[in-house]
Amino acid sequence: MNIGFCTCTILALLFLILSVIFALLKEKGANYVSGFNTLNHPEKYDKAYISRDMRNQCFIYFVILSIGSVLSYYLSAYVAIVAILVWLILLFRNFNLDAKKAFEKYLIQ
């Protein structure tokens, strides 16, 4: 076993657990999204959509890191670096410092 395999496996399991939690909590899962509780009028946002979107994001992260874990175990430890870089790119693409900007796509119209 190499460090890339261990890192990808631990992160993949973490995101699988988070994905299952958001799937089970449904609308209540939106309360655990960072920045949601700081909004002025949280009732104006679609909580089910927020929770479903977080579930899907966590599951995509799980798949990417699982593929990196398996390939780093059988091929090379450098595959884990590529998987983690892909994960970081996707993670920071969805990252916003402004809560209003982060949640504007979830507004109920």
N, C-alpha and C. Protein backbone atom coordinates (compact mmCIF):
# COMPACT_ATOMS: atom_id res chain seq x y z
N MET A 1 0.84 -1.19 0.00
CA MET A 1 0.00 0.00 0.00
C MET A 1 0.88 1.24 0.00
N ASN A 2 0.40 2.25 -0.68
CA ASN A 2 1.15 3.50 -0.73
C ASN A 2 0.30 4.62 -0.13
N ILE A 3 0.93 5.74 0.07
CA ILE A 3 0.26 6.87 0.71
C ILE A 3 -0.86 7.43 -0.16
N GLY A 4 -0.70 7.38 -1.47
CA GLY A 4 -1.75 7.87 -2.37
C GLY A 4 -3.01 7.03 -2.26
N PHE A 5 -2.83 5.72 -2.18
CA PHE A 5 -3.97 4.82 -2.02
C PHE A 5 -4.69 5.11 -0.71
N CYS A 6 -3.94 5.24 0.37
CA CYS A 6 -4.55 5.49 1.68
C CYS A 6 -5.28 6.84 1.70
N THR A 7 -4.66 7.86 1.16
CA THR A 7 -5.28 9.19 1.15
C THR A 7 -6.56 9.21 0.34
N CYS A 8 -6.51 8.65 -0.86
CA CYS A 8 -7.71 8.62 -1.70
C CYS A 8 -8.82 7.78 -1.08
N THR A 9 -8.45 6.67 -0.45
CA THR A 9 -9.45 5.81 0.17
C THR A 9 -10.14 6.51 1.33
N ILE A 10 -9.37 7.16 2.19
CA ILE A 10 -9.95 7.85 3.34
C ILE A 10 -10.86 8.99 2.88
N LEU A 11 -10.40 9.78 1.92
CA LEU A 11 -11.23 10.88 1.42
C LEU A 11 -12.48 10.35 0.71
N ALA A 12 -12.34 9.27 -0.05
CA ALA A 12 -13.49 8.70 -0.75
C ALA A 12 -14.53 8.21 0.25
N LEU A 13 -14.10 7.54 1.31
CA LEU A 13 -15.05 7.07 2.32
C LEU A 13 -15.73 8.23 3.03
N LEU A 14 -14.98 9.29 3.30
CA LEU A 14 -15.55 10.48 3.92
C LEU A 14 -16.66 11.07 3.05
N PHE A 15 -16.40 11.20 1.76
CA PHE A 15 -17.41 11.78 0.86
C PHE A 15 -18.57 10.83 0.62
N LEU A 16 -18.34 9.53 0.69
CA LEU A 16 -19.45 8.59 0.59
C LEU A 16 -20.37 8.73 1.80
N ILE A 17 -19.80 8.86 2.98
CA ILE A 17 -20.60 9.05 4.20
C ILE A 17 -21.39 10.35 4.12
N LEU A 18 -20.74 11.43 3.67
CA LEU A 18 -21.44 12.71 3.53
C LEU A 18 -22.56 12.61 2.51
N SER A 19 -22.33 11.91 1.43
CA SER A 19 -23.35 11.74 0.40
C SER A 19 -24.56 10.99 0.95
N VAL A 20 -24.32 9.96 1.72
CA VAL A 20 -25.42 9.19 2.32
C VAL A 20 -26.17 10.04 3.34
N ILE A 21 -25.45 10.84 4.11
CA ILE A 21 -26.10 11.71 5.10
C ILE A 21 -27.02 12.70 4.42
N PHE A 22 -26.55 13.36 3.36
CA PHE A 22 -27.40 14.31 2.64
C PHE A 22 -28.57 13.61 1.96
N ALA A 23 -28.38 12.38 1.52
CA ALA A 23 -29.48 11.64 0.90
C ALA A 23 -30.54 11.27 1.93
N LEU A 24 -30.12 10.92 3.13
CA LEU A 24 -31.08 10.53 4.17
C LEU A 24 -31.80 11.72 4.79
N LEU A 25 -31.10 12.84 4.93
CA LEU A 25 -31.70 14.00 5.59
C LEU A 25 -32.63 14.79 4.68
N LYS A 26 -32.48 14.66 3.40
CA LYS A 26 -33.28 15.37 2.40
C LYS A 26 -33.28 16.87 2.68
N GLU A 27 -34.43 17.50 2.93
CA GLU A 27 -34.49 18.96 3.12
C GLU A 27 -33.73 19.42 4.35
N LYS A 28 -33.70 18.62 5.39
CA LYS A 28 -33.00 19.02 6.61
C LYS A 28 -31.49 19.08 6.41
N GLY A 29 -30.99 18.42 5.38
CA GLY A 29 -29.56 18.44 5.09
C GLY A 29 -29.05 19.81 4.70
N ALA A 30 -29.94 20.67 4.21
CA ALA A 30 -29.53 22.02 3.81
C ALA A 30 -29.02 22.82 5.00
N ASN A 31 -29.48 22.51 6.19
CA ASN A 31 -29.03 23.23 7.39
C ASN A 31 -27.56 22.96 7.69
N TYR A 32 -27.00 21.88 7.15
CA TYR A 32 -25.61 21.53 7.41
C TYR A 32 -24.65 22.03 6.33
N VAL A 33 -25.19 22.77 5.36
CA VAL A 33 -24.35 23.35 4.32
C VAL A 33 -23.78 24.66 4.86
N SER A 34 -22.49 24.83 4.70
CA SER A 34 -21.82 26.01 5.21
C SER A 34 -22.38 27.28 4.58
N GLY A 35 -22.77 28.23 5.41
CA GLY A 35 -23.27 29.52 4.95
C GLY A 35 -24.77 29.60 4.82
N PHE A 36 -25.47 28.48 4.86
CA PHE A 36 -26.92 28.52 4.67
C PHE A 36 -27.62 29.18 5.85
N ASN A 37 -27.16 28.93 7.05
CA ASN A 37 -27.81 29.50 8.23
C ASN A 37 -27.53 30.99 8.40
N THR A 38 -26.57 31.52 7.66
CA THR A 38 -26.27 32.95 7.77
C THR A 38 -27.08 33.80 6.80
N LEU A 39 -27.88 33.18 5.96
CA LEU A 39 -28.70 33.93 5.01
C LEU A 39 -29.83 34.65 5.73
N ASN A 40 -30.23 35.81 5.21
CA ASN A 40 -31.29 36.61 5.84
C ASN A 40 -32.64 35.91 5.81
N HIS A 41 -33.01 35.34 4.68
CA HIS A 41 -34.31 34.69 4.54
C HIS A 41 -34.12 33.28 3.99
N PRO A 42 -33.76 32.32 4.84
CA PRO A 42 -33.50 30.97 4.33
C PRO A 42 -34.74 30.28 3.77
N GLU A 43 -35.94 30.77 4.10
CA GLU A 43 -37.16 30.15 3.58
C GLU A 43 -37.36 30.44 2.09
N LYS A 44 -36.60 31.38 1.54
CA LYS A 44 -36.71 31.71 0.11
C LYS A 44 -35.89 30.76 -0.77
N TYR A 45 -35.20 29.82 -0.16
CA TYR A 45 -34.32 28.92 -0.90
C TYR A 45 -34.89 27.50 -0.89
N ASP A 46 -34.67 26.80 -1.97
CA ASP A 46 -35.15 25.43 -2.12
C ASP A 46 -34.21 24.48 -1.37
N LYS A 47 -34.60 24.09 -0.16
CA LYS A 47 -33.75 23.27 0.69
C LYS A 47 -33.53 21.88 0.10
N ALA A 48 -34.55 21.33 -0.53
CA ALA A 48 -34.41 19.99 -1.12
C ALA A 48 -33.38 20.01 -2.25
N TYR A 49 -33.40 21.08 -3.05
CA TYR A 49 -32.45 21.21 -4.15
C TYR A 49 -31.02 21.39 -3.63
N ILE A 50 -30.87 22.15 -2.56
CA ILE A 50 -29.55 22.35 -1.95
C ILE A 50 -29.00 21.02 -1.45
N SER A 51 -29.83 20.28 -0.74
CA SER A 51 -29.39 19.00 -0.19
C SER A 51 -29.08 18.00 -1.30
N ARG A 52 -29.91 17.97 -2.33
CA ARG A 52 -29.70 17.05 -3.45
C ARG A 52 -28.41 17.42 -4.20
N ASP A 53 -28.16 18.71 -4.36
CA ASP A 53 -26.95 19.15 -5.04
C ASP A 53 -25.70 18.79 -4.24
N MET A 54 -25.75 18.96 -2.93
CA MET A 54 -24.62 18.58 -2.08
C MET A 54 -24.40 17.07 -2.11
N ARG A 55 -25.49 16.31 -2.12
CA ARG A 55 -25.38 14.85 -2.22
C ARG A 55 -24.68 14.46 -3.52
N ASN A 56 -25.09 15.08 -4.62
CA ASN A 56 -24.49 14.76 -5.91
C ASN A 56 -23.02 15.17 -5.98
N GLN A 57 -22.69 16.33 -5.42
CA GLN A 57 -21.29 16.77 -5.41
C GLN A 57 -20.43 15.81 -4.61
N CYS A 58 -20.90 15.42 -3.43
CA CYS A 58 -20.13 14.50 -2.60
C CYS A 58 -19.98 13.14 -3.28
N PHE A 59 -21.02 12.70 -3.99
CA PHE A 59 -20.92 11.42 -4.68
C PHE A 59 -19.94 11.50 -5.84
N ILE A 60 -19.91 12.61 -6.56
CA ILE A 60 -18.93 12.78 -7.64
C ILE A 60 -17.51 12.78 -7.08
N TYR A 61 -17.31 13.45 -5.94
CA TYR A 61 -16.00 13.43 -5.29
C TYR A 61 -15.62 12.01 -4.89
N PHE A 62 -16.60 11.26 -4.38
CA PHE A 62 -16.36 9.86 -4.00
C PHE A 62 -15.92 9.04 -5.20
N VAL A 63 -16.59 9.19 -6.32
CA VAL A 63 -16.25 8.41 -7.52
C VAL A 63 -14.84 8.76 -8.00
N ILE A 64 -14.52 10.04 -8.07
CA ILE A 64 -13.19 10.45 -8.54
C ILE A 64 -12.09 9.90 -7.63
N LEU A 65 -12.29 10.03 -6.33
CA LEU A 65 -11.27 9.57 -5.39
C LEU A 65 -11.20 8.05 -5.33
N SER A 66 -12.31 7.37 -5.54
CA SER A 66 -12.29 5.90 -5.58
C SER A 66 -11.52 5.39 -6.79
N ILE A 67 -11.76 6.02 -7.93
CA ILE A 67 -11.01 5.64 -9.13
C ILE A 67 -9.52 5.89 -8.91
N GLY A 68 -9.19 7.03 -8.32
CA GLY A 68 -7.79 7.33 -8.01
C GLY A 68 -7.19 6.34 -7.03
N SER A 69 -7.98 5.90 -6.08
CA SER A 69 -7.51 4.93 -5.09
C SER A 69 -7.20 3.58 -5.74
N VAL A 70 -8.13 3.09 -6.54
CA VAL A 70 -7.94 1.79 -7.18
C VAL A 70 -6.77 1.83 -8.16
N LEU A 71 -6.71 2.88 -8.97
CA LEU A 71 -5.63 2.97 -9.95
C LEU A 71 -4.27 3.18 -9.29
N SER A 72 -4.23 3.90 -8.17
CA SER A 72 -2.95 4.10 -7.49
C SER A 72 -2.49 2.81 -6.82
N TYR A 73 -3.41 1.96 -6.45
CA TYR A 73 -3.04 0.68 -5.84
C TYR A 73 -2.45 -0.26 -6.90
N TYR A 74 -3.05 -0.29 -8.09
CA TYR A 74 -2.62 -1.23 -9.11
C TYR A 74 -1.59 -0.67 -10.08
N LEU A 75 -1.60 0.62 -10.34
CA LEU A 75 -0.68 1.17 -11.34
C LEU A 75 0.50 1.90 -10.70
N SER A 76 0.21 3.10 -10.18
CA SER A 76 1.29 3.93 -9.65
C SER A 76 0.72 4.89 -8.61
N ALA A 77 1.54 5.27 -7.67
CA ALA A 77 1.10 6.20 -6.63
C ALA A 77 0.83 7.59 -7.21
N TYR A 78 1.39 7.88 -8.37
CA TYR A 78 1.19 9.19 -8.99
C TYR A 78 -0.22 9.39 -9.51
N VAL A 79 -0.95 8.31 -9.72
CA VAL A 79 -2.34 8.43 -10.15
C VAL A 79 -3.17 9.09 -9.06
N ALA A 80 -2.83 8.84 -7.81
CA ALA A 80 -3.54 9.46 -6.69
C ALA A 80 -3.36 10.98 -6.71
N ILE A 81 -2.20 11.43 -7.10
CA ILE A 81 -1.96 12.88 -7.18
C ILE A 81 -2.87 13.50 -8.23
N VAL A 82 -3.01 12.83 -9.36
CA VAL A 82 -3.89 13.32 -10.41
C VAL A 82 -5.33 13.35 -9.92
N ALA A 83 -5.76 12.29 -9.23
CA ALA A 83 -7.14 12.24 -8.72
C ALA A 83 -7.39 13.35 -7.71
N ILE A 84 -6.43 13.60 -6.84
CA ILE A 84 -6.60 14.65 -5.84
C ILE A 84 -6.60 16.03 -6.50
N LEU A 85 -5.80 16.22 -7.53
CA LEU A 85 -5.81 17.50 -8.25
C LEU A 85 -7.15 17.72 -8.96
N VAL A 86 -7.70 16.68 -9.56
CA VAL A 86 -9.02 16.80 -10.20
C VAL A 86 -10.07 17.13 -9.15
N TRP A 87 -9.99 16.47 -8.00
CA TRP A 87 -10.94 16.74 -6.91
C TRP A 87 -10.81 18.18 -6.43
N LEU A 88 -9.59 18.67 -6.27
CA LEU A 88 -9.39 20.05 -5.81
C LEU A 88 -9.91 21.06 -6.82
N ILE A 89 -9.72 20.79 -8.11
CA ILE A 89 -10.24 21.69 -9.14
C ILE A 89 -11.75 21.77 -9.06
N LEU A 90 -12.41 20.62 -8.94
CA LEU A 90 -13.87 20.61 -8.83
C LEU A 90 -14.34 21.26 -7.54
N LEU A 91 -13.61 21.04 -6.46
CA LEU A 91 -13.98 21.62 -5.17
C LEU A 91 -13.92 23.14 -5.21
N PHE A 92 -12.82 23.69 -5.72
CA PHE A 92 -12.67 25.14 -5.73
C PHE A 92 -13.48 25.81 -6.83
N ARG A 93 -13.91 25.06 -7.82
CA ARG A 93 -14.79 25.63 -8.84
C ARG A 93 -16.15 25.99 -8.23
N ASN A 94 -16.58 25.24 -7.23
CA ASN A 94 -17.87 25.48 -6.58
C ASN A 94 -17.73 26.31 -5.30
N PHE A 95 -16.57 26.84 -5.04
CA PHE A 95 -16.29 27.56 -3.80
C PHE A 95 -16.60 29.04 -3.96
N ASN A 96 -17.37 29.61 -3.02
CA ASN A 96 -17.68 31.04 -3.01
C ASN A 96 -17.52 31.58 -1.60
N LEU A 97 -16.97 32.77 -1.49
CA LEU A 97 -16.85 33.40 -0.18
C LEU A 97 -18.12 34.13 0.21
N ASP A 98 -18.89 34.57 -0.76
CA ASP A 98 -20.13 35.29 -0.51
C ASP A 98 -21.30 34.30 -0.48
N ALA A 99 -22.01 34.24 0.65
CA ALA A 99 -23.10 33.27 0.79
C ALA A 99 -24.24 33.55 -0.18
N LYS A 100 -24.54 34.83 -0.40
CA LYS A 100 -25.63 35.15 -1.33
C LYS A 100 -25.31 34.68 -2.74
N LYS A 101 -24.07 34.86 -3.16
CA LYS A 101 -23.66 34.43 -4.49
C LYS A 101 -23.65 32.90 -4.58
N ALA A 102 -23.28 32.25 -3.51
CA ALA A 102 -23.22 30.79 -3.51
C ALA A 102 -24.60 30.16 -3.61
N PHE A 103 -25.60 30.80 -3.04
CA PHE A 103 -26.94 30.21 -2.98
C PHE A 103 -27.93 30.83 -3.95
N GLU A 104 -27.48 31.72 -4.83
CA GLU A 104 -28.43 32.40 -5.72
C GLU A 104 -29.10 31.44 -6.70
N LYS A 105 -28.46 30.34 -7.04
CA LYS A 105 -29.09 29.40 -7.98
C LYS A 105 -30.17 28.56 -7.31
N TYR A 106 -30.27 28.62 -5.99
CA TYR A 106 -31.28 27.85 -5.26
C TYR A 106 -32.51 28.67 -4.87
N LEU A 107 -32.58 29.93 -5.31
CA LEU A 107 -33.72 30.78 -4.97
C LEU A 107 -35.01 30.22 -5.56
N ILE A 108 -36.07 30.26 -4.76
CA ILE A 108 -37.40 29.86 -5.23
C ILE A 108 -38.02 31.07 -5.91
N GLN A 109 -38.53 30.88 -7.11
CA GLN A 109 -39.07 32.03 -7.85
C GLN A 109 -40.56 32.02 -7.92
